[in-house]
Amino acid sequence: MVRALNVSLSGSMEKYGLPGAVDALCKIQGPRGYGDAIMYNATSSSYASRNSLIHLGADMLTPDSSDVGRIWNEGLAFWGWFFYLSKFYEVVDTMIILTKGKRSSTLQTYHHAGAMLCMWAGMRYMSPPIWMFALVNSGIHTMMVCMFRI
């Protein structure tokens, strides 16, 4: 993900400053450049782009995976999927704690249930800002390990 952030931000920050960085991190995909991205159109329940050089995938519903420059295609789709799958292990981990007769902390119980739902929604709706969720989630797990397992 560090590589994906670096590639997505490098061209955008230099040429367009902060608006370019926000654009690169929050829009789905497409080539680098402020405003050139594919966006979800809720009215037609499909993806669309104002730029005729940006193409949709074969199903005409999802962005073409060959476009590079935006964080989704630079690695977030791949690593986000693995991060989503790891949420299932966290639920199993909580069940193991409960079957051992130990109490699960409130933070752990609600966090694991909520994290699974958030990651599902992020992956289902191809939400680029899930990179922020992954960062915060990792911080929460660090706190839980430090507080409850020492």
N, C-alpha and C. Protein backbone atom coordinates (compact mmCIF):
# COMPACT_ATOMS: atom_id res chain seq x y z
N MET A 1 0.82 -1.20 0.00
CA MET A 1 0.00 0.00 0.00
C MET A 1 0.86 1.25 0.00
N VAL A 2 2.04 1.18 0.60
CA VAL A 2 2.92 2.35 0.58
C VAL A 2 3.29 2.68 -0.86
N ARG A 3 3.58 1.64 -1.67
CA ARG A 3 3.89 1.86 -3.08
C ARG A 3 2.69 2.47 -3.80
N ALA A 4 1.50 1.97 -3.53
CA ALA A 4 0.30 2.49 -4.18
C ALA A 4 0.08 3.96 -3.83
N LEU A 5 0.26 4.30 -2.56
CA LEU A 5 0.11 5.70 -2.15
C LEU A 5 1.16 6.57 -2.83
N ASN A 6 2.38 6.08 -2.88
CA ASN A 6 3.46 6.84 -3.50
C ASN A 6 3.20 7.10 -4.97
N VAL A 7 2.81 6.06 -5.70
CA VAL A 7 2.56 6.20 -7.14
C VAL A 7 1.37 7.13 -7.39
N SER A 8 0.32 6.98 -6.60
CA SER A 8 -0.88 7.79 -6.79
C SER A 8 -0.64 9.26 -6.47
N LEU A 9 0.14 9.51 -5.44
CA LEU A 9 0.35 10.88 -5.01
C LEU A 9 1.47 11.61 -5.74
N SER A 10 2.47 10.87 -6.21
CA SER A 10 3.67 11.52 -6.75
C SER A 10 3.36 12.52 -7.85
N GLY A 11 2.66 12.13 -8.87
CA GLY A 11 2.35 13.05 -9.96
C GLY A 11 1.30 14.07 -9.60
N SER A 12 0.36 13.69 -8.77
CA SER A 12 -0.75 14.57 -8.43
C SER A 12 -0.32 15.73 -7.54
N MET A 13 0.51 15.46 -6.55
CA MET A 13 0.95 16.50 -5.62
C MET A 13 1.82 17.54 -6.33
N GLU A 14 2.72 17.08 -7.19
CA GLU A 14 3.64 18.01 -7.84
C GLU A 14 2.91 18.96 -8.78
N LYS A 15 2.00 18.43 -9.55
CA LYS A 15 1.35 19.25 -10.59
C LYS A 15 0.14 20.02 -10.08
N TYR A 16 -0.67 19.40 -9.20
CA TYR A 16 -1.94 20.00 -8.81
C TYR A 16 -2.02 20.37 -7.33
N GLY A 17 -1.00 20.06 -6.54
CA GLY A 17 -1.00 20.39 -5.13
C GLY A 17 -1.99 19.55 -4.33
N LEU A 18 -2.53 20.13 -3.27
CA LEU A 18 -3.45 19.41 -2.39
C LEU A 18 -4.72 18.93 -3.10
N PRO A 19 -5.36 19.75 -3.95
CA PRO A 19 -6.55 19.23 -4.66
C PRO A 19 -6.23 17.99 -5.51
N GLY A 20 -5.05 17.97 -6.11
CA GLY A 20 -4.66 16.80 -6.90
C GLY A 20 -4.46 15.57 -6.04
N ALA A 21 -3.92 15.76 -4.84
CA ALA A 21 -3.72 14.64 -3.92
C ALA A 21 -5.06 14.08 -3.46
N VAL A 22 -5.99 14.95 -3.10
CA VAL A 22 -7.33 14.50 -2.68
C VAL A 22 -8.01 13.78 -3.83
N ASP A 23 -7.89 14.32 -5.03
CA ASP A 23 -8.48 13.71 -6.22
C ASP A 23 -7.92 12.31 -6.44
N ALA A 24 -6.60 12.14 -6.31
CA ALA A 24 -5.96 10.84 -6.54
C ALA A 24 -6.37 9.82 -5.49
N LEU A 25 -6.61 10.26 -4.27
CA LEU A 25 -6.91 9.33 -3.18
C LEU A 25 -8.39 9.02 -3.05
N CYS A 26 -9.27 9.83 -3.60
CA CYS A 26 -10.69 9.65 -3.35
C CYS A 26 -11.53 9.28 -4.55
N LYS A 27 -10.99 9.37 -5.76
CA LYS A 27 -11.77 8.95 -6.92
C LYS A 27 -11.35 7.55 -7.32
N ILE A 28 -12.21 6.85 -8.02
CA ILE A 28 -11.99 5.43 -8.26
C ILE A 28 -10.76 5.16 -9.08
N GLN A 29 -10.74 5.48 -10.34
CA GLN A 29 -9.56 5.22 -11.12
C GLN A 29 -9.53 6.04 -12.38
N GLY A 30 -8.52 5.82 -13.17
CA GLY A 30 -8.31 6.60 -14.37
C GLY A 30 -6.88 7.10 -14.36
N PRO A 31 -6.44 7.71 -15.43
CA PRO A 31 -5.06 8.19 -15.47
C PRO A 31 -4.85 9.34 -14.50
N ARG A 32 -3.60 9.61 -14.16
CA ARG A 32 -3.30 10.73 -13.27
C ARG A 32 -3.78 12.02 -13.89
N GLY A 33 -4.14 12.94 -13.05
CA GLY A 33 -4.57 14.25 -13.54
C GLY A 33 -5.84 14.67 -12.84
N TYR A 34 -5.87 15.89 -12.43
CA TYR A 34 -7.00 16.41 -11.67
C TYR A 34 -8.28 16.31 -12.47
N GLY A 35 -9.28 15.64 -11.91
CA GLY A 35 -10.60 15.56 -12.50
C GLY A 35 -10.83 14.40 -13.46
N ASP A 36 -9.78 13.79 -13.98
CA ASP A 36 -9.96 12.68 -14.93
C ASP A 36 -10.11 11.38 -14.17
N ALA A 37 -11.31 11.03 -13.82
CA ALA A 37 -11.54 9.79 -13.09
C ALA A 37 -12.92 9.24 -13.42
N ILE A 38 -13.11 7.99 -13.06
CA ILE A 38 -14.40 7.35 -13.22
C ILE A 38 -15.17 7.53 -11.91
N MET A 39 -16.42 7.91 -12.01
CA MET A 39 -17.25 8.13 -10.83
C MET A 39 -18.53 7.32 -10.94
N TYR A 40 -19.10 6.99 -9.81
CA TYR A 40 -20.33 6.21 -9.77
C TYR A 40 -21.52 7.12 -9.98
N ASN A 41 -22.40 6.76 -10.91
CA ASN A 41 -23.61 7.51 -11.19
C ASN A 41 -24.77 6.76 -10.54
N ALA A 42 -25.29 7.29 -9.44
CA ALA A 42 -26.35 6.60 -8.68
C ALA A 42 -27.65 6.53 -9.47
N THR A 43 -27.91 7.46 -10.34
CA THR A 43 -29.15 7.46 -11.12
C THR A 43 -29.23 6.27 -12.05
N SER A 44 -28.13 5.99 -12.74
CA SER A 44 -28.14 4.87 -13.69
C SER A 44 -27.53 3.60 -13.10
N SER A 45 -27.08 3.66 -11.85
CA SER A 45 -26.44 2.53 -11.16
C SER A 45 -25.28 1.96 -11.97
N SER A 46 -24.47 2.85 -12.50
CA SER A 46 -23.30 2.42 -13.27
C SER A 46 -22.18 3.46 -13.10
N TYR A 47 -21.04 3.15 -13.67
CA TYR A 47 -19.90 4.06 -13.61
C TYR A 47 -19.83 4.88 -14.88
N ALA A 48 -19.36 6.11 -14.76
CA ALA A 48 -19.27 6.99 -15.92
C ALA A 48 -18.04 7.88 -15.79
N SER A 49 -17.62 8.45 -16.91
CA SER A 49 -16.49 9.36 -16.92
C SER A 49 -16.78 10.49 -17.90
N ARG A 50 -16.30 11.67 -17.56
CA ARG A 50 -16.45 12.81 -18.46
C ARG A 50 -15.36 12.82 -19.53
N ASN A 51 -14.33 12.03 -19.32
CA ASN A 51 -13.19 11.98 -20.22
C ASN A 51 -13.38 10.81 -21.19
N SER A 52 -13.40 11.08 -22.48
CA SER A 52 -13.63 10.03 -23.47
C SER A 52 -12.45 9.09 -23.62
N LEU A 53 -11.28 9.46 -23.09
CA LEU A 53 -10.11 8.59 -23.17
C LEU A 53 -10.11 7.50 -22.10
N ILE A 54 -10.97 7.63 -21.11
CA ILE A 54 -11.06 6.64 -20.04
C ILE A 54 -12.13 5.63 -20.42
N HIS A 55 -11.79 4.35 -20.33
CA HIS A 55 -12.71 3.30 -20.76
C HIS A 55 -13.22 2.49 -19.59
N LEU A 56 -14.42 1.95 -19.76
CA LEU A 56 -14.99 1.05 -18.77
C LEU A 56 -14.61 -0.38 -19.12
N GLY A 57 -14.79 -1.29 -18.16
CA GLY A 57 -14.48 -2.69 -18.37
C GLY A 57 -15.43 -3.33 -19.37
N ALA A 58 -15.20 -4.62 -19.62
CA ALA A 58 -15.99 -5.34 -20.62
C ALA A 58 -17.47 -5.38 -20.26
N ASP A 59 -17.78 -5.39 -18.96
CA ASP A 59 -19.19 -5.44 -18.55
C ASP A 59 -19.88 -4.08 -18.61
N MET A 60 -19.12 -3.02 -18.90
CA MET A 60 -19.62 -1.65 -18.99
C MET A 60 -20.21 -1.14 -17.67
N LEU A 61 -19.96 -1.84 -16.60
CA LEU A 61 -20.45 -1.41 -15.29
C LEU A 61 -19.31 -1.05 -14.35
N THR A 62 -18.14 -1.59 -14.59
CA THR A 62 -17.01 -1.33 -13.70
C THR A 62 -15.87 -0.68 -14.48
N PRO A 63 -15.00 0.05 -13.77
CA PRO A 63 -13.87 0.68 -14.45
C PRO A 63 -12.90 -0.34 -15.04
N ASP A 64 -12.22 0.02 -16.09
CA ASP A 64 -11.23 -0.85 -16.73
C ASP A 64 -10.01 -0.96 -15.82
N SER A 65 -9.58 -2.18 -15.58
CA SER A 65 -8.48 -2.40 -14.64
C SER A 65 -7.11 -2.05 -15.22
N SER A 66 -7.05 -1.71 -16.51
CA SER A 66 -5.75 -1.37 -17.10
C SER A 66 -5.36 0.09 -16.86
N ASP A 67 -6.30 0.93 -16.44
CA ASP A 67 -5.95 2.32 -16.13
C ASP A 67 -5.08 2.36 -14.89
N VAL A 68 -4.03 3.15 -14.92
CA VAL A 68 -3.15 3.26 -13.76
C VAL A 68 -3.08 4.72 -13.31
N GLY A 69 -2.63 4.91 -12.09
CA GLY A 69 -2.48 6.26 -11.58
C GLY A 69 -3.32 6.53 -10.35
N ARG A 70 -4.51 5.99 -10.31
CA ARG A 70 -5.36 6.17 -9.14
C ARG A 70 -5.07 5.06 -8.13
N ILE A 71 -5.33 5.33 -6.88
CA ILE A 71 -4.96 4.40 -5.81
C ILE A 71 -5.67 3.05 -5.93
N TRP A 72 -6.88 3.01 -6.46
CA TRP A 72 -7.61 1.74 -6.53
C TRP A 72 -6.86 0.73 -7.40
N ASN A 73 -6.42 1.14 -8.56
CA ASN A 73 -5.72 0.23 -9.47
C ASN A 73 -4.26 0.05 -9.13
N GLU A 74 -3.71 0.92 -8.32
CA GLU A 74 -2.30 0.80 -7.96
C GLU A 74 -2.07 -0.18 -6.82
N GLY A 75 -3.11 -0.79 -6.29
CA GLY A 75 -2.92 -1.79 -5.26
C GLY A 75 -4.03 -1.87 -4.22
N LEU A 76 -4.84 -0.84 -4.11
CA LEU A 76 -5.88 -0.85 -3.08
C LEU A 76 -6.91 -1.96 -3.32
N ALA A 77 -7.26 -2.22 -4.55
CA ALA A 77 -8.23 -3.29 -4.83
C ALA A 77 -7.68 -4.64 -4.40
N PHE A 78 -6.40 -4.88 -4.67
CA PHE A 78 -5.76 -6.16 -4.33
C PHE A 78 -5.58 -6.30 -2.82
N TRP A 79 -4.92 -5.33 -2.19
CA TRP A 79 -4.65 -5.43 -0.76
C TRP A 79 -5.92 -5.22 0.08
N GLY A 80 -6.85 -4.43 -0.44
CA GLY A 80 -8.12 -4.25 0.27
C GLY A 80 -8.89 -5.56 0.39
N TRP A 81 -8.82 -6.39 -0.66
CA TRP A 81 -9.50 -7.68 -0.63
C TRP A 81 -8.90 -8.57 0.46
N PHE A 82 -7.58 -8.62 0.57
CA PHE A 82 -6.95 -9.41 1.62
C PHE A 82 -7.28 -8.87 3.00
N PHE A 83 -7.32 -7.56 3.11
CA PHE A 83 -7.65 -6.94 4.40
C PHE A 83 -9.08 -7.30 4.79
N TYR A 84 -9.99 -7.30 3.80
CA TYR A 84 -11.38 -7.69 4.05
C TYR A 84 -11.45 -9.14 4.53
N LEU A 85 -10.72 -10.04 3.89
CA LEU A 85 -10.72 -11.45 4.30
C LEU A 85 -10.16 -11.63 5.71
N SER A 86 -9.22 -10.78 6.10
CA SER A 86 -8.64 -10.88 7.45
C SER A 86 -9.68 -10.57 8.53
N LYS A 87 -10.72 -9.85 8.18
CA LYS A 87 -11.77 -9.53 9.16
C LYS A 87 -12.51 -10.80 9.59
N PHE A 88 -12.60 -11.79 8.70
CA PHE A 88 -13.24 -13.05 9.08
C PHE A 88 -12.41 -13.79 10.12
N TYR A 89 -11.09 -13.74 9.98
CA TYR A 89 -10.23 -14.36 10.98
C TYR A 89 -10.41 -13.67 12.33
N GLU A 90 -10.59 -12.37 12.33
CA GLU A 90 -10.76 -11.64 13.59
C GLU A 90 -12.02 -12.10 14.33
N VAL A 91 -13.07 -12.39 13.58
CA VAL A 91 -14.30 -12.90 14.21
C VAL A 91 -14.03 -14.29 14.79
N VAL A 92 -13.29 -15.13 14.06
CA VAL A 92 -12.93 -16.47 14.55
C VAL A 92 -12.06 -16.32 15.80
N ASP A 93 -11.14 -15.36 15.80
CA ASP A 93 -10.29 -15.10 16.96
C ASP A 93 -11.13 -14.74 18.18
N THR A 94 -12.14 -13.92 17.99
CA THR A 94 -13.03 -13.56 19.09
C THR A 94 -13.79 -14.79 19.59
N MET A 95 -14.24 -15.65 18.68
CA MET A 95 -14.93 -16.89 19.09
C MET A 95 -14.01 -17.81 19.88
N ILE A 96 -12.75 -17.89 19.47
CA ILE A 96 -11.78 -18.72 20.20
C ILE A 96 -11.60 -18.20 21.62
N ILE A 97 -11.51 -16.90 21.77
CA ILE A 97 -11.38 -16.30 23.10
C ILE A 97 -12.59 -16.66 23.96
N LEU A 98 -13.79 -16.59 23.37
CA LEU A 98 -15.00 -16.90 24.12
C LEU A 98 -15.10 -18.38 24.47
N THR A 99 -14.68 -19.27 23.58
CA THR A 99 -14.75 -20.71 23.87
C THR A 99 -13.72 -21.12 24.93
N LYS A 100 -12.67 -20.34 25.09
CA LYS A 100 -11.69 -20.61 26.15
C LYS A 100 -12.20 -20.17 27.52
N GLY A 101 -13.37 -19.55 27.53
CA GLY A 101 -13.95 -19.11 28.79
C GLY A 101 -13.50 -17.71 29.20
N LYS A 102 -12.77 -17.04 28.35
CA LYS A 102 -12.34 -15.67 28.64
C LYS A 102 -13.39 -14.70 28.13
N ARG A 103 -13.33 -13.50 28.67
CA ARG A 103 -14.25 -12.46 28.21
C ARG A 103 -13.63 -11.67 27.08
N SER A 104 -14.42 -11.38 26.10
CA SER A 104 -13.98 -10.51 25.01
C SER A 104 -14.28 -9.08 25.42
N SER A 105 -13.33 -8.19 25.19
CA SER A 105 -13.57 -6.79 25.56
C SER A 105 -14.64 -6.20 24.65
N THR A 106 -15.32 -5.19 25.14
CA THR A 106 -16.35 -4.52 24.35
C THR A 106 -15.73 -3.94 23.08
N LEU A 107 -14.55 -3.36 23.21
CA LEU A 107 -13.85 -2.81 22.05
C LEU A 107 -13.64 -3.88 20.99
N GLN A 108 -13.18 -5.04 21.41
CA GLN A 108 -12.89 -6.11 20.46
C GLN A 108 -14.17 -6.62 19.80
N THR A 109 -15.21 -6.85 20.57
CA THR A 109 -16.46 -7.38 20.02
C THR A 109 -17.07 -6.45 18.99
N TYR A 110 -17.28 -5.20 19.37
CA TYR A 110 -17.93 -4.27 18.45
C TYR A 110 -17.02 -3.85 17.30
N HIS A 111 -15.75 -3.75 17.60
CA HIS A 111 -14.81 -3.36 16.55
C HIS A 111 -14.76 -4.42 15.44
N HIS A 112 -14.68 -5.69 15.80
CA HIS A 112 -14.59 -6.74 14.79
C HIS A 112 -15.86 -6.83 13.95
N ALA A 113 -17.00 -6.68 14.58
CA ALA A 113 -18.25 -6.72 13.81
C ALA A 113 -18.36 -5.51 12.88
N GLY A 114 -18.04 -4.35 13.39
CA GLY A 114 -18.12 -3.13 12.59
C GLY A 114 -17.08 -3.08 11.48
N ALA A 115 -15.88 -3.56 11.76
CA ALA A 115 -14.81 -3.54 10.76
C ALA A 115 -15.17 -4.44 9.57
N MET A 116 -15.77 -5.56 9.85
CA MET A 116 -16.15 -6.47 8.76
C MET A 116 -17.19 -5.80 7.85
N LEU A 117 -18.17 -5.14 8.45
CA LEU A 117 -19.19 -4.47 7.65
C LEU A 117 -18.61 -3.30 6.86
N CYS A 118 -17.74 -2.52 7.48
CA CYS A 118 -17.13 -1.38 6.79
C CYS A 118 -16.27 -1.83 5.62
N MET A 119 -15.48 -2.87 5.82
CA MET A 119 -14.63 -3.36 4.73
C MET A 119 -15.48 -3.97 3.61
N TRP A 120 -16.55 -4.65 3.97
CA TRP A 120 -17.43 -5.20 2.93
C TRP A 120 -17.98 -4.06 2.07
N ALA A 121 -18.49 -3.01 2.71
CA ALA A 121 -19.05 -1.88 1.96
C ALA A 121 -17.98 -1.20 1.12
N GLY A 122 -16.78 -1.04 1.67
CA GLY A 122 -15.70 -0.41 0.92
C GLY A 122 -15.30 -1.18 -0.31
N MET A 123 -15.25 -2.49 -0.20
CA MET A 123 -14.88 -3.31 -1.35
C MET A 123 -16.06 -3.44 -2.32
N ARG A 124 -17.25 -3.59 -1.81
CA ARG A 124 -18.42 -3.76 -2.67
C ARG A 124 -18.66 -2.54 -3.54
N TYR A 125 -18.51 -1.35 -2.96
CA TYR A 125 -18.77 -0.12 -3.69
C TYR A 125 -17.49 0.56 -4.17
N MET A 126 -16.38 -0.19 -4.17
CA MET A 126 -15.10 0.28 -4.67
C MET A 126 -14.77 1.67 -4.14
N SER A 127 -14.72 1.80 -2.84
CA SER A 127 -14.50 3.09 -2.20
C SER A 127 -13.02 3.32 -1.93
N PRO A 128 -12.34 4.19 -2.69
CA PRO A 128 -10.92 4.41 -2.47
C PRO A 128 -10.55 4.87 -1.07
N PRO A 129 -11.39 5.64 -0.36
CA PRO A 129 -10.98 6.05 0.99
C PRO A 129 -10.90 4.91 2.03
N ILE A 130 -11.10 3.65 1.63
CA ILE A 130 -10.92 2.57 2.60
C ILE A 130 -9.47 2.45 3.03
N TRP A 131 -8.53 3.09 2.30
CA TRP A 131 -7.14 3.06 2.75
C TRP A 131 -7.03 3.73 4.11
N MET A 132 -7.88 4.77 4.36
CA MET A 132 -7.86 5.43 5.67
C MET A 132 -8.42 4.50 6.74
N PHE A 133 -9.47 3.75 6.38
CA PHE A 133 -10.04 2.80 7.33
C PHE A 133 -9.01 1.74 7.71
N ALA A 134 -8.28 1.24 6.72
CA ALA A 134 -7.26 0.22 6.99
C ALA A 134 -6.19 0.77 7.92
N LEU A 135 -5.80 2.02 7.73
CA LEU A 135 -4.80 2.65 8.59
C LEU A 135 -5.30 2.78 10.03
N VAL A 136 -6.52 3.28 10.19
CA VAL A 136 -7.09 3.43 11.54
C VAL A 136 -7.32 2.07 12.17
N ASN A 137 -7.80 1.10 11.40
CA ASN A 137 -8.04 -0.24 11.92
C ASN A 137 -6.74 -0.88 12.44
N SER A 138 -5.68 -0.67 11.70
CA SER A 138 -4.38 -1.20 12.14
C SER A 138 -3.96 -0.56 13.46
N GLY A 139 -4.22 0.73 13.61
CA GLY A 139 -3.91 1.41 14.87
C GLY A 139 -4.73 0.88 16.02
N ILE A 140 -6.00 0.59 15.79
CA ILE A 140 -6.86 0.03 16.85
C ILE A 140 -6.35 -1.34 17.25
N HIS A 141 -5.94 -2.14 16.28
CA HIS A 141 -5.42 -3.47 16.61
C HIS A 141 -4.12 -3.37 17.40
N THR A 142 -3.31 -2.40 17.09
CA THR A 142 -2.09 -2.19 17.86
C THR A 142 -2.44 -1.85 19.30
N MET A 143 -3.44 -0.99 19.50
CA MET A 143 -3.87 -0.65 20.86
C MET A 143 -4.40 -1.88 21.59
N MET A 144 -5.22 -2.69 20.90
CA MET A 144 -5.80 -3.86 21.55
C MET A 144 -4.71 -4.85 21.96
N VAL A 145 -3.71 -5.05 21.11
CA VAL A 145 -2.63 -5.98 21.44
C VAL A 145 -1.84 -5.45 22.63
N CYS A 146 -1.54 -4.17 22.62
CA CYS A 146 -0.76 -3.58 23.72
C CYS A 146 -1.53 -3.59 25.04
N MET A 147 -2.84 -3.34 24.99
CA MET A 147 -3.63 -3.24 26.21
C MET A 147 -4.01 -4.60 26.80
N PHE A 148 -4.33 -5.57 25.96
CA PHE A 148 -4.94 -6.79 26.47
C PHE A 148 -4.06 -8.04 26.41
N ARG A 149 -2.94 -7.99 25.76
CA ARG A 149 -2.16 -9.20 25.62
C ARG A 149 -0.79 -9.09 26.27
N ILE A 150 -0.53 -8.02 26.96
CA ILE A 150 0.78 -7.87 27.63
C ILE A 150 0.72 -8.49 29.01
